[in-house]
Protein backbone atom coordinates (compact mmCIF):
# COMPACT_ATOMS: atom_id res chain seq x y z
CA MET A 1 94.01 154.90 36.28
CA ALA A 2 97.67 155.84 36.72
CA LYS A 3 97.59 156.50 40.22
CA LEU A 4 96.01 152.58 40.90
CA VAL A 5 99.12 151.06 38.69
CA ILE A 6 100.83 153.57 41.59
CA ASP A 7 98.84 152.09 44.26
CA LEU A 8 99.95 148.03 42.41
CA ASP A 9 103.00 148.84 42.78
CA ALA A 10 103.80 149.95 46.36
CA ILE A 11 101.06 147.58 47.02
CA ILE A 12 103.03 144.76 45.67
CA VAL A 13 106.52 146.16 47.45
CA GLN A 14 104.97 146.04 50.53
CA LEU A 15 104.10 142.57 49.91
CA GLU A 16 107.11 141.24 49.01
CA THR A 17 109.09 142.88 51.69
CA GLN A 18 106.53 141.36 54.35
CA LYS A 19 107.20 138.06 52.62
CA ASP A 20 111.04 138.39 53.06
CA ALA A 21 110.25 138.80 56.73
CA ILE A 22 108.20 136.02 57.39
CA GLU A 23 110.97 133.30 55.17
CA ARG A 24 113.82 134.51 57.77
CA ALA A 25 111.01 134.00 60.74
CA LEU A 26 109.84 130.23 59.48
CA GLU A 27 113.42 129.74 58.89
CA ALA A 28 114.66 130.78 62.27
CA LEU A 29 111.65 128.70 63.70
CA ARG A 30 112.57 125.77 61.31
CA GLY A 31 116.84 126.16 62.97
CA GLY A 32 117.93 126.92 59.88
CA PRO A 33 121.48 127.49 58.37
CA ARG A 34 122.70 129.97 61.46
CA ARG A 35 121.79 130.17 65.13
CA GLY A 36 123.21 131.74 68.35
CA ARG A 37 125.96 134.53 67.42
CA PRO A 38 127.13 135.09 64.65
CA PRO A 39 131.28 133.31 63.59
CA GLY A 40 134.27 135.86 64.13
CA PRO A 41 136.57 135.84 61.66
CA GLN A 42 138.27 132.54 61.13
CA LYS A 43 141.79 131.60 61.95
CA LYS A 44 144.26 131.06 59.73
CA THR A 45 146.15 128.21 61.76
CA ALA A 46 147.65 126.80 58.37
CA ALA A 47 149.70 129.41 57.76
CA LYS A 48 151.30 130.00 60.83
CA LYS A 49 154.72 129.25 61.52
CA THR A 50 155.65 126.53 63.84
CA ALA A 51 159.52 127.33 64.03
CA LYS A 52 160.99 128.63 67.11
CA LYS A 53 161.64 132.88 67.23
CA SER A 54 164.82 133.56 66.97
CA SER A 55 165.32 135.86 70.26
CA GLY A 56 167.48 138.85 67.68
CA LEU A 57 170.81 138.08 69.13
CA SER A 58 173.57 136.93 67.42
CA GLU A 59 175.60 134.74 68.90
CA ALA A 60 178.85 137.35 69.10
CA GLY A 61 175.68 139.82 70.65
CA ARG A 62 174.83 137.45 72.91
CA ALA A 63 178.92 136.65 74.15
CA LYS A 64 179.36 140.16 74.27
CA LEU A 65 176.20 140.73 76.68
CA SER A 66 177.07 137.92 78.60
CA GLU A 67 180.61 139.38 79.38
CA ALA A 68 179.05 142.55 80.73
CA MET A 69 176.93 141.03 82.97
CA LYS A 70 180.19 139.22 84.66
CA LYS A 71 181.43 142.68 84.75
CA ARG A 72 179.25 144.08 86.81
CA TRP A 73 178.15 141.31 88.96
CA SER A 74 182.05 140.56 89.61
CA ALA A 75 182.13 144.96 90.12
CA LYS A 76 178.83 144.89 92.31
CA GLN A 77 180.41 141.86 94.57
CA THR A 78 183.70 143.30 94.96
CA LYS A 79 182.65 146.78 96.91
CA PRO A 80 182.81 146.96 100.23
CA GLY A 81 180.04 146.68 102.04
CA ALA A 82 178.38 144.58 99.49
CA LYS A 83 176.46 140.92 100.60
CA LYS A 84 178.35 137.97 100.15
CA ALA A 85 175.60 134.96 98.15
CA THR A 86 175.99 132.13 100.39
CA LYS A 87 175.00 129.12 98.66
CA LYS A 88 171.78 127.03 100.33
CA THR A 89 172.36 123.69 100.94
CA SER A 90 169.53 120.81 101.16
CA SER A 91 171.12 118.64 103.95
CA GLU A 92 169.84 121.77 106.03
């Protein structure tokens, strides 16, 4: 008698497994809620900031950097053998 109960439980589990597989197959054939590639992670576009990113330099830092670059260029242009920059005209 105990073996019969165990066999019935095993049969019930196996039938439920087959039932789930059949239901999934029917859903796929009918065109269930999901077809094709599964969706990826959702992008949060509403939380994105639309403000422009700051450059990381303050006005004082930008002015200091500008002056340093001007000094470098002037030193480079005054060296002997340095090529002179020439302006191109559009009428050529």
